[in-house]
Amino acid sequence: MIASCKRGILVSHFHYVNGYLDTKRALMTGMTRYGTFLIEGGEITRALANLRWTESMLRAFSNVVAISREREAFARGGAFTTIVPAVMIEGFTFTGVQRE
């Protein structure tokens, strides 16, 4: 997926997600964390500061252009585990940058 991206942002983790902005539109907000990178010409070119995002998940999932075959498991305290693929979403809305 990275090789096919002309210009984009690679998000490796979300720090938190607030899903109560507008539940009818599935509008959520959150921050990236632990690795956010700029992709240019199909290659990761540099690290970025953590970014704030605000997006309707209905809109985001309507703009998925690729889904990986590989899945990654993320454990969150105790027995709760999420298994997810990587997804490439066109036009995801980033709204700000974390100031150090």
PDB file of N, CA and C in Angstrom:
ATOM      1  N   MET A   1       0.817  -1.200   0.000  1.00  0.00           N
ATOM      2  CA  MET A   1       0.000   0.000   0.000  1.00  0.00           C
ATOM      3  C   MET A   1       0.856   1.257   0.000  1.00  0.00           C
ATOM      4  N   ILE A   2       1.943   1.240   0.769  1.00  0.00           N
ATOM      5  CA  ILE A   2       2.810   2.421   0.820  1.00  0.00           C
ATOM      6  C   ILE A   2       3.391   2.704  -0.555  1.00  0.00           C
ATOM      7  N   ALA A   3       3.831   1.662  -1.252  1.00  0.00           N
ATOM      8  CA  ALA A   3       4.430   1.842  -2.576  1.00  0.00           C
ATOM      9  C   ALA A   3       3.450   2.439  -3.579  1.00  0.00           C
ATOM     10  N   SER A   4       2.156   2.212  -3.391  1.00  0.00           N
ATOM     11  CA  SER A   4       1.162   2.732  -4.338  1.00  0.00           C
ATOM     12  C   SER A   4       0.683   4.139  -3.992  1.00  0.00           C
ATOM     13  N   CYS A   5       1.158   4.689  -2.883  1.00  0.00           N
ATOM     14  CA  CYS A   5       0.701   6.007  -2.425  1.00  0.00           C
ATOM     15  C   CYS A   5       1.633   7.106  -2.948  1.00  0.00           C
ATOM     16  N   LYS A   6       1.095   8.050  -3.695  1.00  0.00           N
ATOM     17  CA  LYS A   6       1.905   9.162  -4.194  1.00  0.00           C
ATOM     18  C   LYS A   6       2.242  10.150  -3.084  1.00  0.00           C
ATOM     19  N   ARG A   7       1.244  10.509  -2.288  1.00  0.00           N
ATOM     20  CA  ARG A   7       1.449  11.419  -1.157  1.00  0.00           C
ATOM     21  C   ARG A   7       0.393  11.100  -0.112  1.00  0.00           C
ATOM     22  N   GLY A   8       0.834  10.837   1.108  1.00  0.00           N
ATOM     23  CA  GLY A   8      -0.118  10.477   2.146  1.00  0.00           C
ATOM     24  C   GLY A   8       0.519  10.482   3.518  1.00  0.00           C
ATOM     25  N   ILE A   9      -0.246  10.054   4.490  1.00  0.00           N
ATOM     26  CA  ILE A   9       0.205   9.991   5.878  1.00  0.00           C
ATOM     27  C   ILE A   9      -0.003   8.573   6.382  1.00  0.00           C
ATOM     28  N   LEU A  10       1.045   7.990   6.924  1.00  0.00           N
ATOM     29  CA  LEU A  10       0.982   6.673   7.543  1.00  0.00           C
ATOM     30  C   LEU A  10       0.752   6.858   9.034  1.00  0.00           C
ATOM     31  N   VAL A  11      -0.345   6.313   9.533  1.00  0.00           N
ATOM     32  CA  VAL A  11      -0.668   6.371  10.964  1.00  0.00           C
ATOM     33  C   VAL A  11      -0.502   4.964  11.512  1.00  0.00           C
ATOM     34  N   SER A  12       0.417   4.795  12.474  1.00  0.00           N
ATOM     35  CA  SER A  12       0.625   3.465  13.035  1.00  0.00           C
ATOM     36  C   SER A  12      -0.270   3.186  14.237  1.00  0.00           C
ATOM     37  N   HIS A  13      -0.657   4.224  14.987  1.00  0.00           N
ATOM     38  CA  HIS A  13      -1.518   4.040  16.157  1.00  0.00           C
ATOM     39  C   HIS A  13      -2.385   5.278  16.388  1.00  0.00           C
ATOM     40  N   PHE A  14      -3.572   5.034  16.923  1.00  0.00           N
ATOM     41  CA  PHE A  14      -4.399   6.114  17.434  1.00  0.00           C
ATOM     42  C   PHE A  14      -4.248   6.139  18.943  1.00  0.00           C
ATOM     43  N   HIS A  15      -4.051   7.330  19.514  1.00  0.00           N
ATOM     44  CA  HIS A  15      -3.891   7.487  20.958  1.00  0.00           C
ATOM     45  C   HIS A  15      -5.225   7.292  21.664  1.00  0.00           C
ATOM     46  N   TYR A  16      -6.243   7.914  21.177  1.00  0.00           N
ATOM     47  CA  TYR A  16      -7.591   7.755  21.723  1.00  0.00           C
ATOM     48  C   TYR A  16      -8.585   8.106  20.633  1.00  0.00           C
ATOM     49  N   VAL A  17      -9.819   7.697  20.833  1.00  0.00           N
ATOM     50  CA  VAL A  17     -10.891   8.036  19.909  1.00  0.00           C
ATOM     51  C   VAL A  17     -12.091   8.478  20.730  1.00  0.00           C
ATOM     52  N   ASN A  18     -12.647   9.630  20.396  1.00  0.00           N
ATOM     53  CA  ASN A  18     -13.865  10.122  21.015  1.00  0.00           C
ATOM     54  C   ASN A  18     -14.973  10.005  19.971  1.00  0.00           C
ATOM     55  N   GLY A  19     -15.907   9.103  20.213  1.00  0.00           N
ATOM     56  CA  GLY A  19     -16.952   8.843  19.235  1.00  0.00           C
ATOM     57  C   GLY A  19     -18.288   9.471  19.548  1.00  0.00           C
ATOM     58  N   TYR A  20     -18.302  10.490  20.398  1.00  0.00           N
ATOM     59  CA  TYR A  20     -19.571  11.075  20.805  1.00  0.00           C
ATOM     60  C   TYR A  20     -19.834  12.460  20.214  1.00  0.00           C
ATOM     61  N   LEU A  21     -19.124  12.855  19.180  1.00  0.00           N
ATOM     62  CA  LEU A  21     -19.338  14.181  18.590  1.00  0.00           C
ATOM     63  C   LEU A  21     -20.706  14.272  17.923  1.00  0.00           C
ATOM     64  N   ASP A  22     -20.995  13.298  17.086  1.00  0.00           N
ATOM     65  CA  ASP A  22     -22.283  13.244  16.397  1.00  0.00           C
ATOM     66  C   ASP A  22     -22.525  11.776  16.051  1.00  0.00           C
ATOM     67  N   THR A  23     -23.268  11.087  16.890  1.00  0.00           N
ATOM     68  CA  THR A  23     -23.432   9.644  16.717  1.00  0.00           C
ATOM     69  C   THR A  23     -24.233   9.278  15.465  1.00  0.00           C
ATOM     70  N   LYS A  24     -25.138  10.125  15.023  1.00  0.00           N
ATOM     71  CA  LYS A  24     -25.914   9.828  13.811  1.00  0.00           C
ATOM     72  C   LYS A  24     -25.036   9.799  12.569  1.00  0.00           C
ATOM     73  N   ARG A  25     -24.019  10.652  12.538  1.00  0.00           N
ATOM     74  CA  ARG A  25     -23.095  10.690  11.395  1.00  0.00           C
ATOM     75  C   ARG A  25     -21.816   9.909  11.661  1.00  0.00           C
ATOM     76  N   ALA A  26     -21.709   9.278  12.841  1.00  0.00           N
ATOM     77  CA  ALA A  26     -20.511   8.543  13.254  1.00  0.00           C
ATOM     78  C   ALA A  26     -19.287   9.458  13.207  1.00  0.00           C
ATOM     79  N   LEU A  27     -19.464  10.717  13.619  1.00  0.00           N
ATOM     80  CA  LEU A  27     -18.378  11.693  13.625  1.00  0.00           C
ATOM     81  C   LEU A  27     -17.542  11.496  14.881  1.00  0.00           C
ATOM     82  N   MET A  28     -16.252  11.295  14.682  1.00  0.00           N
ATOM     83  CA  MET A  28     -15.328  11.022  15.777  1.00  0.00           C
ATOM     84  C   MET A  28     -14.120  11.933  15.688  1.00  0.00           C
ATOM     85  N   THR A  29     -13.385  12.023  16.790  1.00  0.00           N
ATOM     86  CA  THR A  29     -12.141  12.777  16.815  1.00  0.00           C
ATOM     87  C   THR A  29     -11.122  11.985  17.614  1.00  0.00           C
ATOM     88  N   GLY A  30      -9.855  12.318  17.453  1.00  0.00           N
ATOM     89  CA  GLY A  30      -8.799  11.636  18.190  1.00  0.00           C
ATOM     90  C   GLY A  30      -7.436  12.190  17.815  1.00  0.00           C
ATOM     91  N   MET A  31      -6.410  11.508  18.310  1.00  0.00           N
ATOM     92  CA  MET A  31      -5.022  11.884  18.041  1.00  0.00           C
ATOM     93  C   MET A  31      -4.254  10.652  17.578  1.00  0.00           C
ATOM     94  N   THR A  32      -3.226  10.869  16.767  1.00  0.00           N
ATOM     95  CA  THR A  32      -2.305   9.801  16.405  1.00  0.00           C
ATOM     96  C   THR A  32      -1.233   9.705  17.489  1.00  0.00           C
ATOM     97  N   ARG A  33      -0.508   8.583  17.485  1.00  0.00           N
ATOM     98  CA  ARG A  33       0.540   8.409  18.488  1.00  0.00           C
ATOM     99  C   ARG A  33       1.479   7.291  18.062  1.00  0.00           C
ATOM    100  N   TYR A  34       2.710   7.335  18.560  1.00  0.00           N
ATOM    101  CA  TYR A  34       3.710   6.276  18.347  1.00  0.00           C
ATOM    102  C   TYR A  34       4.081   6.057  16.889  1.00  0.00           C
ATOM    103  N   GLY A  35       4.064   7.067  16.100  1.00  0.00           N
ATOM    104  CA  GLY A  35       4.537   6.914  14.734  1.00  0.00           C
ATOM    105  C   GLY A  35       3.553   7.404  13.697  1.00  0.00           C
ATOM    106  N   THR A  36       3.773   8.606  13.207  1.00  0.00           N
ATOM    107  CA  THR A  36       2.999   9.200  12.133  1.00  0.00           C
ATOM    108  C   THR A  36       4.022   9.689  11.120  1.00  0.00           C
ATOM    109  N   PHE A  37       3.887   9.260   9.872  1.00  0.00           N
ATOM    110  CA  PHE A  37       4.931   9.498   8.882  1.00  0.00           C
ATOM    111  C   PHE A  37       4.362  10.035   7.574  1.00  0.00           C
ATOM    112  N   LEU A  38       5.164  10.840   6.885  1.00  0.00           N
ATOM    113  CA  LEU A  38       4.806  11.353   5.566  1.00  0.00           C
ATOM    114  C   LEU A  38       5.249  10.341   4.514  1.00  0.00           C
ATOM    115  N   ILE A  39       4.364  10.063   3.563  1.00  0.00           N
ATOM    116  CA  ILE A  39       4.682   9.203   2.415  1.00  0.00           C
ATOM    117  C   ILE A  39       4.714  10.086   1.182  1.00  0.00           C
ATOM    118  N   GLU A  40       5.795   9.988   0.423  1.00  0.00           N
ATOM    119  CA  GLU A  40       5.927  10.723  -0.839  1.00  0.00           C
ATOM    120  C   GLU A  40       6.532   9.788  -1.874  1.00  0.00           C
ATOM    121  N   GLY A  41       5.915   9.724  -3.037  1.00  0.00           N
ATOM    122  CA  GLY A  41       6.441   8.879  -4.104  1.00  0.00           C
ATOM    123  C   GLY A  41       6.546   7.415  -3.727  1.00  0.00           C
ATOM    124  N   GLY A  42       5.629   6.935  -2.903  1.00  0.00           N
ATOM    125  CA  GLY A  42       5.626   5.530  -2.530  1.00  0.00           C
ATOM    126  C   GLY A  42       6.627   5.134  -1.465  1.00  0.00           C
ATOM    127  N   GLU A  43       7.243   6.128  -0.798  1.00  0.00           N
ATOM    128  CA  GLU A  43       8.226   5.842   0.247  1.00  0.00           C
ATOM    129  C   GLU A  43       7.970   6.710   1.467  1.00  0.00           C
ATOM    130  N   ILE A  44       8.276   6.172   2.642  1.00  0.00           N
ATOM    131  CA  ILE A  44       8.195   6.954   3.872  1.00  0.00           C
ATOM    132  C   ILE A  44       9.382   7.905   3.866  1.00  0.00           C
ATOM    133  N   THR A  45       9.107   9.212   3.944  1.00  0.00           N
ATOM    134  CA  THR A  45      10.180  10.192   3.817  1.00  0.00           C
ATOM    135  C   THR A  45      10.583  10.855   5.128  1.00  0.00           C
ATOM    136  N   ARG A  46       9.634  10.999   6.080  1.00  0.00           N
ATOM    137  CA  ARG A  46      10.011  11.601   7.352  1.00  0.00           C
ATOM    138  C   ARG A  46       8.905  11.411   8.387  1.00  0.00           C
ATOM    139  N   ALA A  47       9.297  11.561   9.637  1.00  0.00           N
ATOM    140  CA  ALA A  47       8.329  11.489  10.738  1.00  0.00           C
ATOM    141  C   ALA A  47       7.558  12.796  10.820  1.00  0.00           C
ATOM    142  N   LEU A  48       6.313  12.707  11.287  1.00  0.00           N
ATOM    143  CA  LEU A  48       5.472  13.876  11.512  1.00  0.00           C
ATOM    144  C   LEU A  48       5.117  13.963  12.989  1.00  0.00           C
ATOM    145  N   ALA A  49       4.764  15.150  13.430  1.00  0.00           N
ATOM    146  CA  ALA A  49       4.239  15.309  14.788  1.00  0.00           C
ATOM    147  C   ALA A  49       2.898  14.588  14.865  1.00  0.00           C
ATOM    148  N   ASN A  50       2.474  14.262  16.076  1.00  0.00           N
ATOM    149  CA  ASN A  50       1.148  13.658  16.245  1.00  0.00           C
ATOM    150  C   ASN A  50       0.087  14.604  15.722  1.00  0.00           C
ATOM    151  N   LEU A  51      -0.934  14.027  15.092  1.00  0.00           N
ATOM    152  CA  LEU A  51      -1.976  14.826  14.445  1.00  0.00           C
ATOM    153  C   LEU A  51      -3.339  14.578  15.084  1.00  0.00           C
ATOM    154  N   ARG A  52      -4.150  15.625  15.173  1.00  0.00           N
ATOM    155  CA  ARG A  52      -5.550  15.498  15.567  1.00  0.00           C
ATOM    156  C   ARG A  52      -6.344  15.239  14.301  1.00  0.00           C
ATOM    157  N   TRP A  53      -7.364  14.408  14.425  1.00  0.00           N
ATOM    158  CA  TRP A  53      -8.239  14.133  13.294  1.00  0.00           C
ATOM    159  C   TRP A  53      -9.693  14.224  13.738  1.00  0.00           C
ATOM    160  N   THR A  54     -10.559  14.597  12.824  1.00  0.00           N
ATOM    161  CA  THR A  54     -12.005  14.615  13.030  1.00  0.00           C
ATOM    162  C   THR A  54     -12.609  14.114  11.734  1.00  0.00           C
ATOM    163  N   GLU A  55     -13.349  13.014  11.831  1.00  0.00           N
ATOM    164  CA  GLU A  55     -13.833  12.380  10.605  1.00  0.00           C
ATOM    165  C   GLU A  55     -15.090  11.568  10.892  1.00  0.00           C
ATOM    166  N   SER A  56     -15.976  11.516   9.932  1.00  0.00           N
ATOM    167  CA  SER A  56     -17.119  10.614   9.980  1.00  0.00           C
ATOM    168  C   SER A  56     -16.626   9.239   9.545  1.00  0.00           C
ATOM    169  N   MET A  57     -16.839   8.238  10.372  1.00  0.00           N
ATOM    170  CA  MET A  57     -16.412   6.895  10.005  1.00  0.00           C
ATOM    171  C   MET A  57     -17.228   6.373   8.824  1.00  0.00           C
ATOM    172  N   LEU A  58     -18.457   6.856   8.656  1.00  0.00           N
ATOM    173  CA  LEU A  58     -19.238   6.488   7.477  1.00  0.00           C
ATOM    174  C   LEU A  58     -18.539   6.975   6.216  1.00  0.00           C
ATOM    175  N   ARG A  59     -18.067   8.232   6.253  1.00  0.00           N
ATOM    176  CA  ARG A  59     -17.340   8.806   5.114  1.00  0.00           C
ATOM    177  C   ARG A  59     -16.005   8.105   4.912  1.00  0.00           C
ATOM    178  N   ALA A  60     -15.260   7.887   6.006  1.00  0.00           N
ATOM    179  CA  ALA A  60     -13.947   7.257   5.909  1.00  0.00           C
ATOM    180  C   ALA A  60     -14.042   5.856   5.301  1.00  0.00           C
ATOM    181  N   PHE A  61     -14.985   5.041   5.806  1.00  0.00           N
ATOM    182  CA  PHE A  61     -15.106   3.681   5.298  1.00  0.00           C
ATOM    183  C   PHE A  61     -15.654   3.646   3.877  1.00  0.00           C
ATOM    184  N   SER A  62     -16.310   4.716   3.445  1.00  0.00           N
ATOM    185  CA  SER A  62     -16.744   4.823   2.052  1.00  0.00           C
ATOM    186  C   SER A  62     -15.579   5.143   1.127  1.00  0.00           C
ATOM    187  N   ASN A  63     -14.459   5.609   1.698  1.00  0.00           N
ATOM    188  CA  ASN A  63     -13.294   6.000   0.909  1.00  0.00           C
ATOM    189  C   ASN A  63     -12.108   5.055   1.065  1.00  0.00           C
ATOM    190  N   VAL A  64     -12.361   3.818   1.509  1.00  0.00           N
ATOM    191  CA  VAL A  64     -11.290   2.822   1.608  1.00  0.00           C
ATOM    192  C   VAL A  64     -10.913   2.388   0.193  1.00  0.00           C
ATOM    193  N   VAL A  65      -9.609   2.487  -0.128  1.00  0.00           N
ATOM    194  CA  VAL A  65      -9.145   2.092  -1.462  1.00  0.00           C
ATOM    195  C   VAL A  65      -8.313   0.813  -1.422  1.00  0.00           C
ATOM    196  N   ALA A  66      -7.879   0.392  -0.221  1.00  0.00           N
ATOM    197  CA  ALA A  66      -7.119  -0.858  -0.097  1.00  0.00           C
ATOM    198  C   ALA A  66      -7.211  -1.375   1.331  1.00  0.00           C
ATOM    199  N   ILE A  67      -7.210  -2.698   1.459  1.00  0.00           N
ATOM    200  CA  ILE A  67      -7.204  -3.374   2.757  1.00  0.00           C
ATOM    201  C   ILE A  67      -6.159  -4.474   2.678  1.00  0.00           C
ATOM    202  N   SER A  68      -5.294  -4.557   3.701  1.00  0.00           N
ATOM    203  CA  SER A  68      -4.233  -5.563   3.684  1.00  0.00           C
ATOM    204  C   SER A  68      -4.783  -6.959   3.971  1.00  0.00           C
ATOM    205  N   ARG A  69      -4.093  -7.960   3.460  1.00  0.00           N
ATOM    206  CA  ARG A  69      -4.419  -9.341   3.810  1.00  0.00           C
ATOM    207  C   ARG A  69      -3.942  -9.653   5.222  1.00  0.00           C
ATOM    208  N   GLU A  70      -2.810  -9.067   5.603  1.00  0.00           N
ATOM    209  CA  GLU A  70      -2.245  -9.292   6.931  1.00  0.00           C
ATOM    210  C   GLU A  70      -3.108  -8.624   7.981  1.00  0.00           C
ATOM    211  N   ARG A  71      -3.126  -9.207   9.166  1.00  0.00           N
ATOM    212  CA  ARG A  71      -3.855  -8.653  10.297  1.00  0.00           C
ATOM    213  C   ARG A  71      -2.883  -8.492  11.452  1.00  0.00           C
ATOM    214  N   GLU A  72      -3.116  -7.503  12.302  1.00  0.00           N
ATOM    215  CA  GLU A  72      -2.273  -7.286  13.469  1.00  0.00           C
ATOM    216  C   GLU A  72      -3.161  -7.282  14.707  1.00  0.00           C
ATOM    217  N   ALA A  73      -2.681  -7.934  15.752  1.00  0.00           N
ATOM    218  CA  ALA A  73      -3.441  -7.994  17.005  1.00  0.00           C
ATOM    219  C   ALA A  73      -2.936  -6.921  17.956  1.00  0.00           C
ATOM    220  N   PHE A  74      -3.873  -6.225  18.589  1.00  0.00           N
ATOM    221  CA  PHE A  74      -3.562  -5.207  19.581  1.00  0.00           C
ATOM    222  C   PHE A  74      -4.258  -5.583  20.872  1.00  0.00           C
ATOM    223  N   ALA A  75      -3.473  -5.797  21.933  1.00  0.00           N
ATOM    224  CA  ALA A  75      -4.040  -6.145  23.242  1.00  0.00           C
ATOM    225  C   ALA A  75      -4.218  -4.875  24.061  1.00  0.00           C
ATOM    226  N   ARG A  76      -5.346  -4.776  24.733  1.00  0.00           N
ATOM    227  CA  ARG A  76      -5.651  -3.628  25.591  1.00  0.00           C
ATOM    228  C   ARG A  76      -6.127  -4.136  26.937  1.00  0.00           C
ATOM    229  N   GLY A  77      -5.212  -4.332  27.870  1.00  0.00           N
ATOM    230  CA  GLY A  77      -5.576  -4.723  29.229  1.00  0.00           C
ATOM    231  C   GLY A  77      -6.408  -5.984  29.319  1.00  0.00           C
ATOM    232  N   GLY A  78      -5.876  -6.974  29.971  1.00  0.00           N
ATOM    233  CA  GLY A  78      -6.630  -8.204  30.183  1.00  0.00           C
ATOM    234  C   GLY A  78      -6.838  -8.995  28.909  1.00  0.00           C
ATOM    235  N   ALA A  79      -8.055  -9.453  28.718  1.00  0.00           N
ATOM    236  CA  ALA A  79      -8.371 -10.344  27.605  1.00  0.00           C
ATOM    237  C   ALA A  79      -8.858  -9.625  26.357  1.00  0.00           C
ATOM    238  N   PHE A  80      -8.985  -8.307  26.393  1.00  0.00           N
ATOM    239  CA  PHE A  80      -9.517  -7.577  25.247  1.00  0.00           C
ATOM    240  C   PHE A  80      -8.451  -7.435  24.172  1.00  0.00           C
ATOM    241  N   THR A  81      -8.690  -8.008  23.012  1.00  0.00           N
ATOM    242  CA  THR A  81      -7.766  -7.934  21.890  1.00  0.00           C
ATOM    243  C   THR A  81      -8.534  -7.561  20.633  1.00  0.00           C
ATOM    244  N   THR A  82      -7.930  -6.706  19.824  1.00  0.00           N
ATOM    245  CA  THR A  82      -8.512  -6.325  18.547  1.00  0.00           C
ATOM    246  C   THR A  82      -7.585  -6.815  17.444  1.00  0.00           C
ATOM    247  N   ILE A  83      -8.136  -7.431  16.422  1.00  0.00           N
ATOM    248  CA  ILE A  83      -7.350  -7.899  15.286  1.00  0.00           C
ATOM    249  C   ILE A  83      -7.823  -7.127  14.077  1.00  0.00           C
ATOM    250  N   VAL A  84      -6.902  -6.364  13.470  1.00  0.00           N
ATOM    251  CA  VAL A  84      -7.295  -5.453  12.393  1.00  0.00           C
ATOM    252  C   VAL A  84      -6.333  -5.523  11.214  1.00  0.00           C
ATOM    253  N   PRO A  85      -6.853  -5.234  10.008  1.00  0.00           N
ATOM    254  CA  PRO A  85      -5.984  -5.084   8.840  1.00  0.00           C
ATOM    255  C   PRO A  85      -5.516  -3.633   8.744  1.00  0.00           C
ATOM    256  N   ALA A  86      -4.532  -3.401   7.912  1.00  0.00           N
ATOM    257  CA  ALA A  86      -4.176  -2.027   7.544  1.00  0.00           C
ATOM    258  C   ALA A  86      -5.164  -1.584   6.466  1.00  0.00           C
ATOM    259  N   VAL A  87      -5.546  -0.326   6.492  1.00  0.00           N
ATOM    260  CA  VAL A  87      -6.445   0.197   5.460  1.00  0.00           C
ATOM    261  C   VAL A  87      -5.860   1.483   4.879  1.00  0.00           C
ATOM    262  N   MET A  88      -6.111   1.696   3.604  1.00  0.00           N
ATOM    263  CA  MET A  88      -5.736   2.943   2.942  1.00  0.00           C
ATOM    264  C   MET A  88      -7.033   3.690   2.681  1.00  0.00           C
ATOM    265  N   ILE A  89      -7.130   4.882   3.272  1.00  0.00           N
ATOM    266  CA  ILE A  89      -8.345   5.696   3.151  1.00  0.00           C
ATOM    267  C   ILE A  89      -7.988   6.986   2.432  1.00  0.00           C
ATOM    268  N   GLU A  90      -8.706   7.268   1.378  1.00  0.00           N
ATOM    269  CA  GLU A  90      -8.470   8.490   0.609  1.00  0.00           C
ATOM    270  C   GLU A  90      -9.233   9.654   1.251  1.00  0.00           C
ATOM    271  N   GLY A  91      -8.556  10.777   1.446  1.00  0.00           N
ATOM    272  CA  GLY A  91      -9.212  11.999   1.900  1.00  0.00           C
ATOM    273  C   GLY A  91      -9.547  12.044   3.378  1.00  0.00           C
ATOM    274  N   PHE A  92      -8.858  11.286   4.224  1.00  0.00           N
ATOM    275  CA  PHE A  92      -9.096  11.312   5.677  1.00  0.00           C
ATOM    276  C   PHE A  92      -8.788  12.710   6.197  1.00  0.00           C
ATOM    277  N   THR A  93      -9.596  13.224   7.133  1.00  0.00           N
ATOM    278  CA  THR A  93      -9.502  14.618   7.560  1.00  0.00           C
ATOM    279  C   THR A  93      -8.674  14.800   8.819  1.00  0.00           C
ATOM    280  N   PHE A  94      -7.475  15.355   8.648  1.00  0.00           N
ATOM    281  CA  PHE A  94      -6.641  15.758   9.791  1.00  0.00           C
ATOM    282  C   PHE A  94      -6.904  17.233  10.047  1.00  0.00           C
ATOM    283  N   THR A  95      -7.090  17.589  11.325  1.00  0.00           N
ATOM    284  CA  THR A  95      -7.535  18.951  11.643  1.00  0.00           C
ATOM    285  C   THR A  95      -6.524  19.770  12.443  1.00  0.00           C
ATOM    286  N   GLY A  96      -5.428  19.167  12.881  1.00  0.00           N
ATOM    287  CA  GLY A  96      -4.465  19.932  13.658  1.00  0.00           C
ATOM    288  C   GLY A  96      -3.228  19.113  13.953  1.00  0.00           C
ATOM    289  N   VAL A  97      -2.254  19.785  14.559  1.00  0.00           N
ATOM    290  CA  VAL A  97      -0.988  19.130  14.899  1.00  0.00           C
ATOM    291  C   VAL A  97      -0.703  19.350  16.373  1.00  0.00           C
ATOM    292  N   GLN A  98      -0.125  18.353  17.024  1.00  0.00           N
ATOM    293  CA  GLN A  98       0.218  18.468  18.428  1.00  0.00           C
ATOM    294  C   GLN A  98       1.390  19.425  18.590  1.00  0.00           C
ATOM    295  N   ARG A  99       1.240  20.377  19.459  1.00  0.00           N
ATOM    296  CA  ARG A  99       2.314  21.346  19.749  1.00  0.00           C
ATOM    297  C   ARG A  99       3.114  20.824  20.933  1.00  0.00           C
ATOM    298  N   GLU A 100       4.407  20.787  20.796  1.00  0.00           N
ATOM    299  CA  GLU A 100       5.276  20.280  21.880  1.00  0.00           C
ATOM    300  C   GLU A 100       5.462  21.332  22.947  1.00  0.00           C
TER     301      GLU A 100
END
